[in-house]
Protein backbone atom coordinates (compact mmCIF):
# COMPACT_ATOMS: atom_id res chain seq x y z
CA MET A 1 -69.16 53.05 -50.49
CA LYS A 2 -70.38 53.24 -46.89
CA LYS A 3 -69.42 49.59 -46.35
CA ALA A 4 -65.90 50.25 -47.62
CA LEU A 5 -65.53 53.27 -45.36
CA THR A 6 -66.78 51.28 -42.36
CA LEU A 7 -64.24 48.48 -43.04
CA ILE A 8 -61.39 51.00 -43.31
CA LEU A 9 -62.36 52.63 -39.98
CA THR A 10 -62.62 49.23 -38.24
CA LEU A 11 -59.13 48.19 -39.40
CA ALA A 12 -57.70 51.50 -38.28
CA LEU A 13 -59.23 51.04 -34.81
CA ILE A 14 -57.72 47.52 -34.44
CA LEU A 15 -54.27 48.71 -35.43
CA SER A 16 -54.56 51.57 -32.97
CA LEU A 17 -55.43 49.22 -30.10
CA VAL A 18 -52.52 46.87 -30.86
CA ALA A 19 -50.06 49.76 -30.94
CA CYS A 20 -51.29 50.94 -27.52
CA GLY A 21 -51.18 47.51 -25.95
CA GLY A 22 -54.91 47.14 -25.74
CA ALA A 23 -54.94 43.62 -27.17
CA PRO A 24 -53.76 40.59 -25.07
CA ALA A 25 -50.08 39.68 -25.64
CA ALA A 26 -49.24 36.32 -27.16
CA SER A 27 -47.42 33.79 -24.85
CA LYS A 28 -43.68 33.92 -25.20
CA ALA A 29 -42.21 31.02 -27.17
CA PRO A 30 -39.59 29.02 -25.32
CA ALA A 31 -36.00 29.81 -26.19
CA ALA A 32 -34.53 27.40 -28.61
CA SER A 33 -32.38 24.82 -26.79
CA LYS A 34 -28.81 24.22 -27.82
CA ALA A 35 -28.39 21.38 -30.22
CA PRO A 36 -27.18 18.17 -28.55
CA ALA A 37 -23.71 16.86 -29.20
CA ALA A 38 -23.31 14.86 -32.35
CA SER A 39 -23.25 11.62 -30.37
CA GLY A 40 -26.51 12.51 -28.65
CA ALA A 41 -25.12 11.21 -25.31
CA ALA A 42 -25.36 13.23 -22.12
CA PRO A 43 -22.00 14.05 -20.45
CA ALA A 44 -21.02 11.45 -17.83
CA ALA A 45 -21.15 12.41 -14.16
CA THR A 46 -17.78 12.85 -12.44
CA GLU A 47 -16.77 9.62 -10.73
CA LYS A 48 -16.24 9.84 -6.99
CA ALA A 49 -14.45 7.25 -4.88
CA SER A 50 -13.03 6.96 -1.39
CA VAL A 51 -10.73 4.49 0.36
CA LYS A 52 -8.95 4.11 3.70
CA PHE A 53 -5.26 3.19 3.91
CA GLY A 54 -4.25 1.41 7.10
CA ASN A 55 -0.84 0.18 8.27
CA THR A 56 1.06 -0.71 11.43
CA GLY A 57 3.87 1.82 10.95
CA GLY A 58 4.01 5.03 12.97
CA GLU A 59 3.61 8.59 11.74
CA ASP A 60 7.32 8.82 10.82
CA ASP A 61 7.53 5.42 9.13
CA ILE A 62 8.59 5.45 5.47
CA GLN A 63 5.56 3.33 4.62
CA THR A 64 3.19 5.88 6.17
CA MET A 65 4.92 8.67 4.25
CA ALA A 66 4.48 6.76 1.01
CA LEU A 67 0.78 6.14 1.69
CA ARG A 68 0.29 9.86 2.26
CA GLU A 69 2.03 10.54 -1.04
CA VAL A 70 -0.37 8.18 -2.85
CA ALA A 71 -3.34 9.90 -1.22
CA THR A 72 -2.03 13.33 -2.30
CA ARG A 73 -1.53 12.23 -5.90
CA LEU A 74 -4.95 10.59 -6.18
CA ASP A 75 -6.54 13.78 -4.90
CA LYS A 76 -4.58 15.94 -7.34
CA GLU A 77 -5.11 13.74 -10.39
CA THR A 78 -8.88 13.61 -9.90
CA GLY A 79 -9.52 17.12 -8.66
CA GLY A 80 -10.49 15.82 -5.25
CA ASN A 81 -12.83 13.12 -6.52
CA PHE A 82 -10.72 10.15 -5.35
CA ALA A 83 -10.31 10.62 -1.60
CA ALA A 84 -7.93 8.51 0.48
CA GLU A 85 -7.36 8.73 4.23
CA VAL A 86 -4.29 7.30 5.97
CA TYR A 87 -4.55 5.52 9.34
CA PRO A 88 -1.09 4.63 10.74
CA SER A 89 -0.07 2.84 13.96
CA SER A 90 -2.70 0.07 13.63
CA SER A 91 -5.43 2.66 14.32
CA LEU A 92 -7.62 1.03 11.69
CA GLY A 93 -6.60 -2.51 12.66
CA ASP A 94 -3.67 -4.87 12.21
CA THR A 95 -2.47 -5.99 8.79
CA ASP A 96 -4.30 -9.31 8.69
CA ASP A 97 -7.52 -7.73 9.99
CA LEU A 98 -7.43 -5.11 7.23
CA ALA A 99 -6.78 -7.71 4.54
CA GLU A 100 -9.80 -9.65 5.77
CA GLN A 101 -11.95 -6.52 5.71
CA ALA A 102 -10.84 -5.83 2.15
CA MET A 103 -11.75 -9.36 1.06
CA GLN A 104 -15.23 -8.85 2.52
CA GLY A 105 -15.75 -5.74 0.42
CA ALA A 106 -14.64 -2.81 2.59
CA ALA A 107 -12.96 0.07 0.76
CA VAL A 108 -9.65 -0.37 2.57
CA LEU A 109 -6.05 -1.05 1.57
CA THR A 110 -3.12 -2.16 3.66
CA ILE A 111 0.55 -2.86 3.08
CA SER A 112 1.04 -6.53 3.79
CA ASP A 113 4.06 -8.68 2.90
CA PRO A 114 4.78 -11.97 1.11
CA SER A 115 5.23 -14.02 4.28
CA ARG A 116 1.72 -13.13 5.46
CA LEU A 117 0.11 -13.50 2.04
CA ALA A 118 1.63 -16.94 1.56
CA SER A 119 -1.37 -18.30 3.45
CA PHE A 120 -3.45 -17.40 0.36
CA VAL A 121 -0.96 -18.08 -2.45
CA LYS A 122 1.81 -20.29 -1.12
CA ASP A 123 4.36 -19.68 -3.88
CA TYR A 124 4.16 -15.91 -3.39
CA GLY A 125 5.82 -16.47 -0.03
CA ILE A 126 9.14 -17.07 -1.78
CA LEU A 127 9.53 -13.26 -1.88
CA GLY A 128 9.66 -13.20 1.90
CA MET A 129 12.20 -15.98 2.35
CA PRO A 130 15.53 -15.20 4.06
CA TYR A 131 18.25 -13.91 1.74
CA ILE A 132 16.13 -14.39 -1.42
CA PHE A 133 17.18 -10.86 -2.50
CA ASP A 134 20.26 -8.83 -1.65
CA ASP A 135 18.35 -5.55 -1.90
CA TYR A 136 15.28 -3.89 -3.45
CA LYS A 137 16.64 -3.40 -6.96
CA GLY A 138 14.85 -6.31 -8.62
CA LEU A 139 11.33 -5.50 -7.42
CA ASP A 140 10.15 -3.58 -10.50
CA LYS A 141 11.52 -6.30 -12.75
CA LEU A 142 9.84 -8.98 -10.65
CA MET A 143 6.37 -7.65 -11.50
CA LYS A 144 6.98 -8.14 -15.21
CA THR A 145 7.55 -11.91 -14.92
CA ASP A 146 5.07 -14.59 -15.95
CA LEU A 147 5.30 -15.99 -12.45
CA TYR A 148 4.07 -12.74 -10.96
CA ALA A 149 1.12 -12.66 -13.37
CA THR A 150 0.00 -16.08 -12.14
CA TRP A 151 0.18 -14.84 -8.55
CA GLU A 152 -1.97 -11.82 -9.34
CA LYS A 153 -4.67 -14.06 -10.80
CA ALA A 154 -4.46 -16.53 -7.94
CA PHE A 155 -5.01 -13.72 -5.43
CA ALA A 156 -7.89 -12.26 -7.44
CA ASP A 157 -9.59 -15.68 -7.47
CA GLN A 158 -9.72 -15.39 -3.67
CA GLY A 159 -11.01 -11.82 -3.61
CA ILE A 160 -7.65 -10.11 -3.08
CA TRP A 161 -6.49 -7.27 -5.31
CA LEU A 162 -2.68 -7.35 -5.37
CA VAL A 163 -2.14 -3.73 -6.38
CA THR A 164 1.66 -3.82 -6.36
CA SER A 165 4.63 -5.64 -4.83
CA ASN A 166 7.38 -3.07 -5.39
CA TRP A 167 7.16 -1.24 -2.08
CA PHE A 168 10.31 -1.56 0.00
CA SER A 169 10.15 -0.99 3.73
CA GLY A 170 13.75 -1.80 4.58
CA THR A 171 16.14 -4.60 5.50
CA ARG A 172 15.31 -6.51 8.67
CA ASN A 173 17.95 -7.00 11.35
CA PHE A 174 18.01 -8.30 14.92
CA ALA A 175 17.51 -5.52 17.46
CA CYS A 176 18.17 -6.48 21.09
CA ASP A 177 20.53 -5.77 24.01
CA VAL A 178 23.20 -8.28 23.01
CA VAL A 179 25.78 -8.21 20.22
CA VAL A 180 25.01 -10.92 17.68
CA ASN A 181 27.81 -12.06 15.38
CA LYS A 182 26.65 -15.60 14.60
CA PRO A 183 23.48 -17.68 15.05
CA GLU A 184 24.69 -19.11 18.36
CA ASP A 185 24.60 -15.63 19.88
CA LEU A 186 20.81 -15.57 19.58
CA LYS A 187 20.33 -18.63 21.77
CA GLY A 188 17.60 -18.00 24.34
CA GLN A 189 16.74 -14.56 22.93
CA ARG A 190 12.96 -14.09 22.65
CA ILE A 191 12.67 -12.23 19.37
CA ARG A 192 9.44 -10.84 18.03
CA THR A 193 8.64 -11.90 14.48
CA MET A 194 5.55 -12.12 12.31
CA GLY A 195 3.11 -14.90 13.05
CA ASN A 196 3.54 -17.18 10.04
CA ASP A 197 5.48 -20.37 9.37
CA LEU A 198 7.97 -18.68 7.07
CA CYS A 199 9.13 -16.13 9.65
CA ILE A 200 8.85 -18.41 12.66
CA LYS A 201 10.88 -21.22 11.07
CA SER A 202 13.49 -18.82 9.66
CA VAL A 203 14.04 -16.98 12.94
CA THR A 204 14.15 -20.27 14.82
CA GLU A 205 16.81 -21.64 12.45
CA MET A 206 18.83 -18.47 13.04
CA GLY A 207 19.05 -19.42 16.71
CA ALA A 208 16.40 -17.25 18.41
CA VAL A 209 13.19 -18.10 20.22
CA ALA A 210 10.71 -16.87 17.59
CA THR A 211 7.87 -15.03 19.33
CA PRO A 212 4.91 -13.90 17.18
CA MET A 213 3.23 -10.75 18.41
CA SER A 214 1.31 -7.73 17.16
CA TRP A 215 3.72 -4.91 16.32
CA SER A 216 1.74 -2.47 18.45
CA GLU A 217 2.67 -4.53 21.54
CA VAL A 218 6.41 -4.82 20.91
CA TYR A 219 7.67 -1.69 22.67
CA THR A 220 5.85 -2.46 25.91
CA SER A 221 6.79 -6.14 25.78
CA ILE A 222 10.51 -5.35 25.48
CA GLN A 223 10.21 -2.71 28.17
CA GLN A 224 8.56 -5.24 30.52
CA LYS A 225 11.11 -7.97 29.61
CA ALA A 226 8.50 -10.23 28.02
CA LEU A 227 10.63 -9.92 24.87
CA ASP A 228 14.38 -9.55 24.42
CA GLY A 229 14.11 -7.82 21.08
CA ALA A 230 12.69 -7.89 17.57
CA GLU A 231 13.74 -8.52 14.01
CA VAL A 232 12.82 -5.28 12.35
CA GLN A 233 13.68 -2.78 9.61
CA THR A 234 15.25 0.52 10.63
CA PRO A 235 12.37 2.88 9.64
CA SER A 236 9.94 0.98 11.88
CA PHE A 237 12.56 0.65 14.64
CA TYR A 238 12.97 4.43 14.58
CA ALA A 239 9.28 5.32 14.28
CA THR A 240 8.43 3.04 17.22
CA ARG A 241 11.31 4.54 19.27
CA LEU A 242 12.76 1.12 20.00
CA TRP A 243 16.10 2.78 20.65
CA GLU A 244 14.63 3.61 24.04
CA VAL A 245 14.35 -0.07 25.03
CA THR A 246 17.10 -1.82 23.00
CA LYS A 247 20.76 -0.96 22.58
CA VAL A 248 22.02 -2.81 19.47
CA ILE A 249 21.00 -3.29 15.85
CA ASN A 250 22.84 -6.34 14.52
CA ARG A 251 23.27 -6.12 10.76
CA THR A 252 22.12 -9.61 9.74
CA GLY A 253 20.02 -8.37 6.82
CA HIS A 254 18.08 -11.62 6.75
CA PHE A 255 14.82 -10.34 5.22
CA GLN A 256 14.24 -7.68 2.59
CA LEU A 257 10.83 -6.42 3.63
CA ILE A 258 8.76 -6.17 0.47
CA GLY A 259 5.57 -4.17 0.79
CA SER A 260 2.58 -5.78 -0.90
CA ALA A 261 -0.25 -3.28 -1.34
CA VAL A 262 -3.49 -5.26 -1.12
CA SER A 263 -7.15 -4.39 -1.26
CA GLY A 264 -10.22 -6.38 -2.30
CA THR A 265 -11.56 -7.25 -5.73
CA LYS A 266 -14.98 -5.91 -4.70
CA PHE A 267 -13.49 -2.48 -4.16
CA ARG A 268 -11.53 -2.80 -7.40
CA ASP A 269 -14.66 -3.69 -9.35
CA SER A 270 -16.51 -0.70 -7.87
CA LEU A 271 -14.07 1.57 -9.71
CA SER A 272 -14.10 2.45 -13.39
CA ALA A 273 -11.34 1.06 -15.58
CA ASP A 274 -9.72 4.51 -15.59
CA TYR A 275 -9.69 4.73 -11.80
CA GLN A 276 -8.36 1.18 -11.47
CA GLN A 277 -5.51 2.08 -13.81
CA LEU A 278 -4.81 5.35 -11.97
CA PHE A 279 -4.81 3.57 -8.59
CA THR A 280 -2.40 0.86 -9.71
CA LYS A 281 -0.14 3.27 -11.59
CA THR A 282 0.09 5.62 -8.60
CA PHE A 283 0.99 2.85 -6.16
CA GLN A 284 3.64 1.43 -8.48
CA GLU A 285 5.22 4.81 -9.21
CA VAL A 286 5.35 5.79 -5.55
CA GLY A 287 6.78 2.36 -4.76
CA THR A 288 9.62 2.85 -7.21
CA GLU A 289 10.38 6.38 -6.02
CA TYR A 290 10.42 5.46 -2.35
CA GLN A 291 12.73 2.45 -2.63
CA GLN A 292 15.92 4.52 -2.52
CA LYS A 293 14.28 7.02 -0.16
CA CYS A 294 13.85 4.15 2.29
CA VAL A 295 17.55 3.34 2.12
CA ASP A 296 18.54 7.00 2.52
CA LEU A 297 16.15 7.51 5.41
CA SER A 298 17.41 4.37 7.16
CA THR A 299 20.96 5.72 6.97
CA LYS A 300 19.83 9.08 8.35
CA TYR A 301 17.89 7.47 11.22
CA GLU A 302 20.77 5.20 12.20
CA LYS A 303 23.22 8.09 12.27
CA GLU A 304 20.86 10.09 14.49
CA MET A 305 20.23 7.18 16.88
CA VAL A 306 23.95 6.45 17.23
CA GLU A 307 24.92 10.08 17.84
CA LYS A 308 21.99 11.21 19.99
CA TYR A 309 20.82 8.08 21.79
CA GLY A 310 23.89 5.86 22.04
CA LEU A 311 22.59 3.06 19.82
CA THR A 312 25.19 0.56 18.57
CA ILE A 313 25.13 -0.68 14.96
CA ASN A 314 26.96 -4.00 14.89
CA GLU A 315 28.43 -4.56 11.42
CA ASP A 316 30.62 -7.48 12.50
CA VAL A 317 28.12 -10.17 11.55
CA ASP A 318 28.93 -13.48 9.88
CA VAL A 319 26.14 -13.18 7.30
CA GLN A 320 27.18 -16.39 5.55
CA ALA A 321 26.60 -18.31 8.78
CA PHE A 322 23.04 -16.98 8.88
CA LYS A 323 22.52 -17.86 5.20
CA ASP A 324 23.72 -21.39 5.88
CA ALA A 325 21.48 -21.67 8.93
CA THR A 326 18.36 -20.70 6.97
CA ALA A 327 19.11 -22.69 3.80
CA PRO A 328 17.17 -25.78 5.00
CA VAL A 329 13.99 -23.68 5.36
CA TYR A 330 13.60 -23.61 1.56
CA ASP A 331 13.24 -27.39 1.49
CA GLU A 332 11.20 -27.55 4.69
CA LEU A 333 8.60 -25.15 3.31
CA GLY A 334 8.70 -26.47 -0.26
CA TYR A 335 10.25 -23.42 -1.90
CA ALA A 336 13.30 -24.94 -3.57
CA ASP A 337 11.69 -25.36 -7.01
CA ILE A 338 9.92 -22.01 -7.06
CA LYS A 339 13.18 -20.34 -6.05
CA ALA A 340 14.85 -21.80 -9.15
CA GLN A 341 11.95 -20.69 -11.37
CA LEU A 342 11.99 -17.15 -9.97
CA GLN A 343 15.75 -16.81 -10.46
CA SER A 344 15.41 -18.12 -14.02
CA GLU A 345 12.65 -15.65 -15.00
CA MET A 346 14.46 -12.71 -13.45
CA GLY A 347 17.72 -13.62 -15.13
């Protein structure tokens, strides 16, 4: 009986101590973690990428405007995770320098053109030949041809990512101090052109003294009489303020300046498939949208330069004479067959 009473008292004492906190507390069990997703995979980290866009056009050039638009859209579509900076006026380097940097793996892109890129894929140069197109309206269709697909692969095999070829920078004309109605009127005129066989031979056949030179040197060279003029599209003519050193734009319309957006395959391969698709899609969409904008802006610039600065736009040009003069260049450079193939595929 005493033992039973003792046991009851002992139990009562223990319960009393627990209620008053006299016994040590047990360690707190960790909170249960949330169950993992059904797949069991951790969420992927947000992809971040950056690239530099460089070109030779000035701040007001249509090409620079389009590059800024691409940068804005990439930023918006990725919530700031795909950053692109624009470097106009050759501040990042000239076109060929940037293309070389891209091939070596730098995260850069530039807007080149078919005549320059022909040194890598010869047949692609057909797009830069004189009078191959009347305007920009076939560029989107061009990129859907089998011929274009072979060019893309040929460039990639050499480390060049041909992002798009539907950018249009304007129609090139002869800008100088003389009125040019026919090829003979260009005799003795030192005209700046791009430094490749296609442009040099074409400009030479049109009667001028073809003079390759970096675009950043053109204004000063004309001003100092080392050049007589340039063959150039209106947006670049305006952005470089060439109306200050030349008096006439002669409407020969010999080249349709196609913008070829190029980067390197190493940069391309550093991006996810989704980012590659976004990059290409953005460049192609902006290219399409800015084609007509380029035409409209050229008209606006020419009107302003005529009314405010006394520039003359010479429309009295025998374009057929210039077409005839440049026709032999297709055979000389071996483009006759590829011209026929291109025209066939584009209908």
